[in-house]
Amino acid sequence: MTGVTDLTPDEARRIILRSQGLIGADARKGGVHAMLRRLGAVQLDTISVLARSHELVAYARLGAVGRPKIERAYWHNPAQSFEYWCHAACILPIEHWPLYSFRRRAYLKRRYRWHEVPDGVDKLLAQVREQGPLTTSDVGGAKNGGPWWDWSDSKIGLEWLLDIGELVCSRRVGWRRVYDLAERVVPAGLLAEDLSDEECIARLAAVAGRSLGVANRTDLLDFLRLRGEQAAMLDEILRSGAAGLVPVTVTAWPGKKGKPNAWADPAALESEPRGRHRTTLLSPFDSLIWHRGRTERVFGFQYTLELYVPKHKRVHGYFTMPVLAGGRLIGRVDPAREGTTLVIKQLHLEPGFSAVKRADDLREALWSAAEWVGCEAVRVERADPPELVPILSTTSTVK
């Protein structure tokens, strides 16, 4: 497809799936390390239903990789990744450390993010320097005793030092961040690299473009969470070609008639995506679907996570996971665990898909996930359409 500037929605969708590592066996090469570098960022979240989101992202692409192996691949010594703010709190490849200096400088200039920076930050930094890597428990705890955002001064101070790059988190213990000096964790060559804001955003736009495959301006802004002056920088970078992305037109995507309405990684346009599509459950925070507007544009799938919706008002469930099969989002499930049984509290097949034709795909997605988390049976409590309940439920050992 060399030189192509016009794409159908289906062509764009397949390019996106391949760029995200969800088509073809080649996507599994290199394991978790290669997957992280392909995606550019893996979002973190505290919620764990089947597993935590960063584990689910790896599972969706690589299959039943052992969960301890995934953890070691993300948080390893010496560090091959670090945590910082991209689309949200994310695991990022360590070689991307210099690319976020624009954000560290912005935080330093504001001296505020969620909380006022307390006095005593210099003492905290000295404590980490003298005593080695520390968690919040080592410096008095994370909370003052109120809601989750009621952080202790020590927690605020450590997070502030992480925001501005004095400290870095490259591993966790019991889901607690371990803070260490950047100079002890980040390789010296990366630490010394000095990039302007424009250079940072240009290189990160290239990362986002490769990860997304085909993306409009909103997708790129959402991936990197750019606003104001930084968003204006991105616009100029796209116009100038400094990110290496090429303009394309995706029919049926919003835009001005006769004008390109998206950007693509040129390498993604060089060949037709081939290979088997992954059939899998997706984390709500997977980069394939983390931008809900993009999810609807690419897949025709309207998706709202109902975590914070009162229980009696939920339509699809607490932690609804989309089901990917054949390159489509064919349904959604609300999972839970009871001992060694994977319980699907609700399952909804998307309109337009046949229960008979998609039953095998749904069964593969559910049973594969069950086996991965150590369950031996699957029980579907409710389904739409209801005939899927007996088809998908089993009390036998998962094969």
Protein backbone atom coordinates (compact mmCIF):
# COMPACT_ATOMS: atom_id res chain seq x y z
CA MET A 1 0.00 0.00 0.00
CA THR A 2 3.00 2.28 -0.56
CA GLY A 3 1.97 5.84 -1.29
CA VAL A 4 -1.63 5.33 -0.26
CA THR A 5 -3.28 8.47 1.09
CA ASP A 6 -6.89 7.30 0.96
CA LEU A 7 -8.03 4.50 3.27
CA THR A 8 -11.37 2.85 3.81
CA PRO A 9 -12.49 2.48 7.44
CA ASP A 10 -11.75 -1.27 7.23
CA GLU A 11 -8.23 -0.66 5.93
CA ALA A 12 -7.59 1.83 8.72
CA ARG A 13 -8.99 -0.56 11.32
CA ARG A 14 -6.69 -3.41 10.21
CA ILE A 15 -3.65 -1.12 10.21
CA ILE A 16 -4.58 -0.01 13.72
CA LEU A 17 -4.92 -3.59 14.94
CA ARG A 18 -1.55 -4.57 13.49
CA SER A 19 0.15 -1.50 14.94
CA GLN A 20 -1.31 -2.43 18.31
CA GLY A 21 0.06 -5.98 18.04
CA LEU A 22 -3.33 -7.67 17.66
CA ILE A 23 -2.85 -9.23 14.22
CA GLY A 24 -0.27 -11.82 13.22
CA ALA A 25 2.26 -14.01 14.99
CA ASP A 26 5.06 -11.45 14.53
CA ALA A 27 3.40 -9.33 17.21
CA ARG A 28 4.48 -11.88 19.83
CA LYS A 29 8.19 -11.70 19.01
CA GLY A 30 10.27 -10.24 21.81
CA GLY A 31 7.63 -10.78 24.47
CA VAL A 32 6.60 -8.09 26.93
CA HIS A 33 9.63 -5.85 26.34
CA ALA A 34 8.95 -5.63 22.60
CA MET A 35 5.22 -5.17 23.22
CA LEU A 36 5.85 -2.17 25.49
CA ARG A 37 8.08 -0.56 22.89
CA ARG A 38 5.49 -1.20 20.16
CA LEU A 39 2.73 0.39 22.21
CA GLY A 40 4.88 3.23 23.56
CA ALA A 41 2.86 3.34 26.80
CA VAL A 42 0.90 0.87 28.93
CA GLN A 43 -1.61 2.47 31.27
CA LEU A 44 -1.62 1.57 34.95
CA ASP A 45 -4.71 1.27 37.13
CA THR A 46 -5.28 0.12 40.70
CA ILE A 47 -8.37 -1.99 39.93
CA SER A 48 -7.86 -5.73 39.70
CA VAL A 49 -10.73 -7.98 38.64
CA LEU A 50 -9.18 -10.78 36.58
CA ALA A 51 -5.78 -9.08 36.81
CA ARG A 52 -4.45 -5.54 36.80
CA SER A 53 -4.73 -3.60 33.56
CA HIS A 54 -1.02 -3.68 32.64
CA GLU A 55 -1.15 -7.49 32.89
CA LEU A 56 -4.33 -7.66 30.79
CA VAL A 57 -2.69 -5.56 28.05
CA ALA A 58 0.16 -8.05 27.77
CA TYR A 59 -2.22 -11.03 27.90
CA ALA A 60 -4.39 -9.61 25.11
CA ARG A 61 -1.40 -9.53 22.75
CA LEU A 62 0.85 -12.35 23.92
CA GLY A 63 -1.56 -14.93 25.27
CA ALA A 64 -1.07 -16.82 28.51
CA VAL A 65 2.25 -15.33 29.59
CA GLY A 66 2.78 -16.03 33.28
CA ARG A 67 1.79 -13.07 35.41
CA PRO A 68 5.08 -13.08 37.40
CA LYS A 69 6.95 -13.00 34.08
CA ILE A 70 4.94 -9.95 33.01
CA GLU A 71 5.75 -8.19 36.28
CA ARG A 72 9.46 -8.93 35.96
CA ALA A 73 9.48 -7.67 32.39
CA TYR A 74 7.96 -4.33 33.37
CA TRP A 75 9.85 -3.79 36.62
CA HIS A 76 13.33 -5.22 36.30
CA ASN A 77 16.76 -4.41 37.66
CA PRO A 78 18.44 -2.74 35.84
CA ALA A 79 15.38 -0.75 34.84
CA GLN A 80 14.03 -1.25 31.34
CA SER A 81 10.97 0.91 31.97
CA PHE A 82 9.76 3.68 34.24
CA GLU A 83 6.45 5.17 35.35
CA TYR A 84 5.35 8.59 34.27
CA TRP A 85 2.48 10.63 32.85
CA CYS A 86 1.62 9.99 29.21
CA HIS A 87 -2.05 9.29 28.36
CA ALA A 88 -2.38 8.72 32.12
CA ALA A 89 -0.07 7.08 34.65
CA CYS A 90 1.79 4.67 32.38
CA ILE A 91 4.69 2.28 32.16
CA LEU A 92 7.09 3.68 29.56
CA PRO A 93 10.28 2.35 27.93
CA ILE A 94 13.33 3.66 29.77
CA GLU A 95 14.76 5.04 26.52
CA HIS A 96 11.84 7.47 26.42
CA TRP A 97 13.04 9.24 29.57
CA PRO A 98 14.43 12.29 27.67
CA LEU A 99 11.18 12.69 25.71
CA TYR A 100 9.23 13.67 28.83
CA SER A 101 11.53 16.49 29.90
CA PHE A 102 8.99 18.97 28.47
CA ARG A 103 6.44 17.71 31.00
CA ARG A 104 8.90 17.70 33.88
CA ARG A 105 9.79 21.32 33.10
CA ALA A 106 6.09 22.26 32.97
CA TYR A 107 5.45 20.72 36.40
CA LEU A 108 8.48 22.47 37.85
CA LYS A 109 7.23 25.81 36.51
CA ARG A 110 3.74 25.33 37.97
CA ARG A 111 4.88 23.87 41.29
CA TYR A 112 1.45 22.31 41.63
CA ARG A 113 -0.45 19.36 40.18
CA TRP A 114 -3.10 17.91 42.48
CA HIS A 115 -1.74 19.33 45.72
CA GLU A 116 0.29 22.28 46.91
CA VAL A 117 3.92 21.24 47.27
CA PRO A 118 4.74 21.13 50.99
CA ASP A 119 7.85 22.32 52.74
CA GLY A 120 10.46 19.67 53.42
CA VAL A 121 10.78 18.31 49.88
CA ASP A 122 14.55 18.82 49.99
CA LYS A 123 14.74 16.68 53.12
CA LEU A 124 12.80 13.90 51.40
CA LEU A 125 15.19 14.00 48.47
CA ALA A 126 18.15 13.85 50.84
CA GLN A 127 16.56 10.88 52.63
CA VAL A 128 16.25 8.94 49.37
CA ARG A 129 19.83 9.87 48.49
CA GLU A 130 21.16 8.66 51.84
CA GLN A 131 18.97 5.62 52.51
CA GLY A 132 18.43 4.29 49.00
CA PRO A 133 15.12 3.41 47.26
CA LEU A 134 12.10 4.13 49.48
CA THR A 135 8.34 3.61 49.48
CA THR A 136 5.82 5.94 51.14
CA SER A 137 5.70 3.49 54.08
CA ASP A 138 9.37 4.21 54.70
CA VAL A 139 8.69 7.93 55.11
CA GLY A 140 5.52 7.89 57.19
CA GLY A 141 2.75 6.56 54.92
CA ALA A 142 0.75 7.77 51.94
CA LYS A 143 -2.46 9.09 53.51
CA ASN A 144 -3.64 11.43 56.25
CA GLY A 145 -6.58 9.14 57.02
CA GLY A 146 -9.22 10.74 54.78
CA PRO A 147 -10.30 9.96 51.19
CA TRP A 148 -7.84 8.60 48.63
CA TRP A 149 -6.78 12.09 47.55
CA ASP A 150 -6.01 13.13 51.14
CA TRP A 151 -2.31 12.42 50.75
CA SER A 152 0.26 12.89 53.46
CA ASP A 153 2.91 15.57 52.95
CA SER A 154 5.46 12.80 52.43
CA LYS A 155 3.41 11.25 49.62
CA ILE A 156 2.84 14.66 48.00
CA GLY A 157 6.56 15.40 48.24
CA LEU A 158 7.64 12.10 46.72
CA GLU A 159 5.14 12.42 43.87
CA TRP A 160 6.28 15.98 43.22
CA LEU A 161 9.91 14.87 43.03
CA LEU A 162 8.81 12.16 40.59
CA ASP A 163 6.86 14.71 38.52
CA ILE A 164 9.90 16.95 38.09
CA GLY A 165 12.34 14.11 37.45
CA GLU A 166 14.44 14.16 40.60
CA LEU A 167 13.02 10.75 41.52
CA VAL A 168 11.88 7.89 39.32
CA CYS A 169 9.76 4.79 39.87
CA SER A 170 11.10 1.80 37.96
CA ARG A 171 9.65 -0.96 40.15
CA ARG A 172 6.91 -1.70 42.66
CA VAL A 173 6.63 -3.76 45.82
CA GLY A 174 3.15 -4.95 46.73
CA TRP A 175 1.76 -2.37 44.29
CA ARG A 176 3.58 0.41 46.15
CA ARG A 177 5.86 2.62 44.13
CA VAL A 178 9.55 2.43 44.95
CA TYR A 179 11.15 5.86 44.55
CA ASP A 180 14.83 6.23 43.74
CA LEU A 181 17.12 8.94 42.45
CA ALA A 182 16.88 9.37 38.69
CA GLU A 183 20.68 9.46 38.52
CA ARG A 184 20.82 5.95 40.02
CA VAL A 185 18.19 4.44 37.72
CA VAL A 186 18.26 6.20 34.34
CA PRO A 187 21.32 5.41 32.17
CA ALA A 188 23.72 8.36 32.11
CA GLY A 189 23.41 8.91 28.37
CA LEU A 190 19.62 9.27 28.61
CA LEU A 191 19.87 11.46 31.68
CA ALA A 192 22.23 13.84 29.88
CA GLU A 193 20.12 14.17 26.74
CA ASP A 194 18.72 17.71 26.58
CA LEU A 195 15.73 18.18 24.27
CA SER A 196 13.62 21.27 23.64
CA ASP A 197 9.87 21.08 24.17
CA GLU A 198 9.37 20.94 20.41
CA GLU A 199 11.84 18.07 20.03
CA CYS A 200 10.14 16.15 22.83
CA ILE A 201 6.68 16.51 21.33
CA ALA A 202 7.88 15.70 17.80
CA ARG A 203 9.50 12.47 18.95
CA LEU A 204 6.54 11.52 21.13
CA ALA A 205 4.13 12.21 18.26
CA ALA A 206 6.15 9.70 16.22
CA VAL A 207 5.83 7.19 19.09
CA ALA A 208 2.07 7.76 19.29
CA GLY A 209 1.70 7.53 15.52
CA ARG A 210 3.52 4.19 15.38
CA SER A 211 1.46 2.84 18.26
CA LEU A 212 -1.88 3.95 16.87
CA GLY A 213 -1.09 3.24 13.20
CA VAL A 214 -3.71 5.66 11.88
CA ALA A 215 -4.83 8.56 14.08
CA ASN A 216 -6.50 11.91 13.80
CA ARG A 217 -5.38 15.00 15.70
CA THR A 218 -7.67 14.22 18.65
CA ASP A 219 -6.21 10.71 18.96
CA LEU A 220 -2.65 12.05 19.12
CA LEU A 221 -3.56 14.74 21.63
CA ASP A 222 -5.33 12.16 23.79
CA PHE A 223 -2.42 9.70 23.65
CA LEU A 224 0.00 12.35 24.95
CA ARG A 225 -2.51 14.52 26.86
CA LEU A 226 -1.37 17.75 25.22
CA ARG A 227 -3.18 21.04 25.74
CA GLY A 228 -2.71 24.74 25.09
CA GLU A 229 0.78 25.66 23.87
CA GLN A 230 1.78 22.00 23.67
CA ALA A 231 -1.20 21.20 21.43
CA ALA A 232 -0.23 24.13 19.19
CA MET A 233 3.30 22.71 19.00
CA LEU A 234 1.86 19.38 17.88
CA ASP A 235 -0.12 21.10 15.13
CA GLU A 236 2.99 22.78 13.77
CA ILE A 237 4.97 19.55 14.04
CA LEU A 238 2.32 17.69 12.02
CA ARG A 239 2.23 20.43 9.38
CA SER A 240 6.01 20.46 9.04
CA GLY A 241 6.39 16.68 8.94
CA ALA A 242 8.82 16.74 11.87
CA ALA A 243 7.15 13.70 13.47
CA GLY A 244 7.56 11.63 10.31
CA LEU A 245 3.81 10.97 10.04
CA VAL A 246 2.04 11.31 6.68
CA PRO A 247 -1.42 12.77 6.05
CA VAL A 248 -4.14 10.33 4.97
CA THR A 249 -7.86 10.46 4.38
CA VAL A 250 -10.03 7.83 6.02
CA THR A 251 -13.45 7.80 4.41
CA ALA A 252 -16.31 8.23 6.90
CA TRP A 253 -14.02 9.72 9.53
CA PRO A 254 -14.91 13.32 10.44
CA GLY A 255 -13.07 16.09 8.62
CA LYS A 256 -13.30 18.78 5.98
CA LYS A 257 -14.25 17.54 2.54
CA GLY A 258 -11.24 17.18 0.27
CA LYS A 259 -8.75 17.50 3.14
CA PRO A 260 -6.76 14.75 4.88
CA ASN A 261 -8.42 13.91 8.18
CA ALA A 262 -5.79 11.68 9.82
CA TRP A 263 -2.11 10.87 10.10
CA ALA A 264 -0.36 7.55 9.62
CA ASP A 265 2.95 5.92 10.34
CA PRO A 266 4.41 5.51 6.83
CA ALA A 267 5.83 2.08 7.71
CA ALA A 268 2.29 0.93 8.52
CA LEU A 269 1.19 1.77 4.97
CA GLU A 270 3.88 -0.30 3.25
CA SER A 271 2.13 -3.68 3.39
CA GLU A 272 -1.29 -5.22 3.89
CA PRO A 273 -1.92 -6.46 7.45
CA ARG A 274 -1.94 -10.26 7.42
CA GLY A 275 -2.22 -13.06 9.95
CA ARG A 276 -4.64 -14.32 12.53
CA HIS A 277 -6.61 -11.82 14.56
CA ARG A 278 -6.39 -12.12 18.31
CA THR A 279 -9.55 -13.27 20.09
CA THR A 280 -9.41 -11.86 23.59
CA LEU A 281 -10.94 -9.82 26.38
CA LEU A 282 -9.62 -6.26 26.55
CA SER A 283 -8.83 -4.13 29.57
CA PRO A 284 -10.93 -0.93 29.67
CA PHE A 285 -7.59 0.90 29.80
CA ASP A 286 -6.03 -0.83 26.78
CA SER A 287 -4.56 1.67 24.32
CA LEU A 288 -6.67 0.14 21.54
CA ILE A 289 -9.80 1.51 23.24
CA TRP A 290 -8.72 4.00 25.91
CA HIS A 291 -10.04 6.92 23.79
CA ARG A 292 -13.78 6.27 23.73
CA GLY A 293 -14.45 8.56 20.76
CA ARG A 294 -11.80 6.75 18.73
CA THR A 295 -13.27 3.39 19.78
CA GLU A 296 -16.64 4.39 18.37
CA ARG A 297 -15.06 5.84 15.22
CA VAL A 298 -12.90 2.79 14.48
CA PHE A 299 -15.16 -0.03 15.71
CA GLY A 300 -18.65 1.46 15.89
CA PHE A 301 -18.60 0.48 19.57
CA GLN A 302 -20.04 2.84 22.17
CA TYR A 303 -18.25 2.19 25.42
CA THR A 304 -18.68 3.66 28.87
CA LEU A 305 -16.91 2.24 31.90
CA GLU A 306 -19.47 2.12 34.72
CA LEU A 307 -17.11 1.80 37.68
CA TYR A 308 -18.38 5.00 39.23
CA VAL A 309 -22.01 4.65 38.18
CA PRO A 310 -24.34 3.66 41.06
CA LYS A 311 -24.98 -0.08 40.91
CA HIS A 312 -28.70 0.25 40.22
CA LYS A 313 -28.00 2.50 37.21
CA ARG A 314 -25.40 0.29 35.51
CA VAL A 315 -26.34 -1.14 32.13
CA HIS A 316 -23.44 -3.49 31.39
CA GLY A 317 -21.68 -3.92 34.73
CA TYR A 318 -18.90 -2.77 37.05
CA PHE A 319 -15.77 -3.63 35.04
CA THR A 320 -17.03 -4.28 31.53
CA MET A 321 -14.42 -5.76 29.20
CA PRO A 322 -14.92 -5.62 25.42
CA VAL A 323 -14.50 -8.85 23.47
CA LEU A 324 -12.22 -8.59 20.43
CA ALA A 325 -12.62 -11.24 17.71
CA GLY A 326 -11.94 -11.17 13.99
CA GLY A 327 -10.82 -7.57 14.27
CA ARG A 328 -14.19 -6.46 15.64
CA LEU A 329 -15.52 -5.64 19.07
CA ILE A 330 -18.30 -8.20 19.15
CA GLY A 331 -19.52 -7.92 22.73
CA ARG A 332 -18.78 -7.03 26.32
CA VAL A 333 -18.62 -8.98 29.57
CA ASP A 334 -18.60 -8.10 33.27
CA PRO A 335 -16.30 -10.69 34.90
CA ALA A 336 -15.66 -11.79 38.47
CA ARG A 337 -14.10 -14.80 40.19
CA GLU A 338 -15.50 -17.28 42.67
CA GLY A 339 -12.74 -19.66 43.70
CA THR A 340 -11.69 -21.46 40.53
CA THR A 341 -14.72 -20.34 38.54
CA LEU A 342 -14.72 -17.41 36.15
CA VAL A 343 -18.13 -15.81 36.61
CA ILE A 344 -19.58 -13.65 33.86
CA LYS A 345 -22.22 -11.61 35.64
CA GLN A 346 -23.44 -10.12 32.38
CA LEU A 347 -22.62 -10.72 28.72
CA HIS A 348 -23.90 -8.59 25.87
CA LEU A 349 -23.44 -9.45 22.21
CA GLU A 350 -23.28 -6.34 20.06
CA PRO A 351 -26.17 -5.66 17.64
CA GLY A 352 -25.60 -7.12 14.19
CA PHE A 353 -23.63 -10.16 15.36
CA SER A 354 -25.16 -13.65 15.28
CA ALA A 355 -25.13 -15.62 18.54
CA VAL A 356 -24.71 -18.86 16.59
CA LYS A 357 -21.80 -17.59 14.50
CA ARG A 358 -20.02 -15.82 17.36
CA ALA A 359 -20.48 -18.40 20.12
CA ASP A 360 -17.11 -20.04 19.40
CA ASP A 361 -15.33 -16.67 19.53
CA LEU A 362 -16.97 -15.82 22.84
CA ARG A 363 -16.15 -19.24 24.24
CA GLU A 364 -12.49 -18.90 23.20
CA ALA A 365 -12.22 -15.45 24.79
CA LEU A 366 -13.80 -16.56 28.08
CA TRP A 367 -12.09 -19.91 28.46
CA SER A 368 -8.66 -18.59 27.51
CA ALA A 369 -8.94 -15.86 30.14
CA ALA A 370 -10.18 -18.36 32.70
CA GLU A 371 -7.24 -20.65 32.14
CA TRP A 372 -4.77 -17.77 32.32
CA VAL A 373 -5.97 -16.70 35.77
CA GLY A 374 -6.13 -20.27 37.08
CA CYS A 375 -9.87 -20.91 36.81
CA GLU A 376 -11.23 -24.31 35.87
CA ALA A 377 -14.80 -23.43 34.95
CA VAL A 378 -16.84 -20.66 33.39
CA ARG A 379 -20.33 -19.65 34.52
CA VAL A 380 -22.39 -17.10 32.63
CA GLU A 381 -25.17 -15.72 34.83
CA ARG A 382 -26.93 -13.45 32.35
CA ALA A 383 -26.58 -12.94 28.62
CA ASP A 384 -28.15 -10.94 25.85
CA PRO A 385 -29.25 -12.95 23.91
CA PRO A 386 -30.13 -15.43 26.71
CA GLU A 387 -29.43 -18.55 24.61
CA LEU A 388 -25.72 -17.87 25.09
CA VAL A 389 -25.90 -18.78 28.80
CA PRO A 390 -25.96 -22.59 28.37
CA ILE A 391 -23.68 -22.47 25.32
CA LEU A 392 -20.89 -20.63 27.13
CA SER A 393 -21.20 -21.99 30.66
CA THR A 394 -19.28 -25.09 31.65
CA THR A 395 -18.42 -26.85 34.87
CA SER A 396 -15.75 -28.98 33.21
CA THR A 397 -12.04 -28.27 33.33
CA VAL A 398 -11.02 -25.59 30.88
CA LYS A 399 -9.14 -27.10 27.95
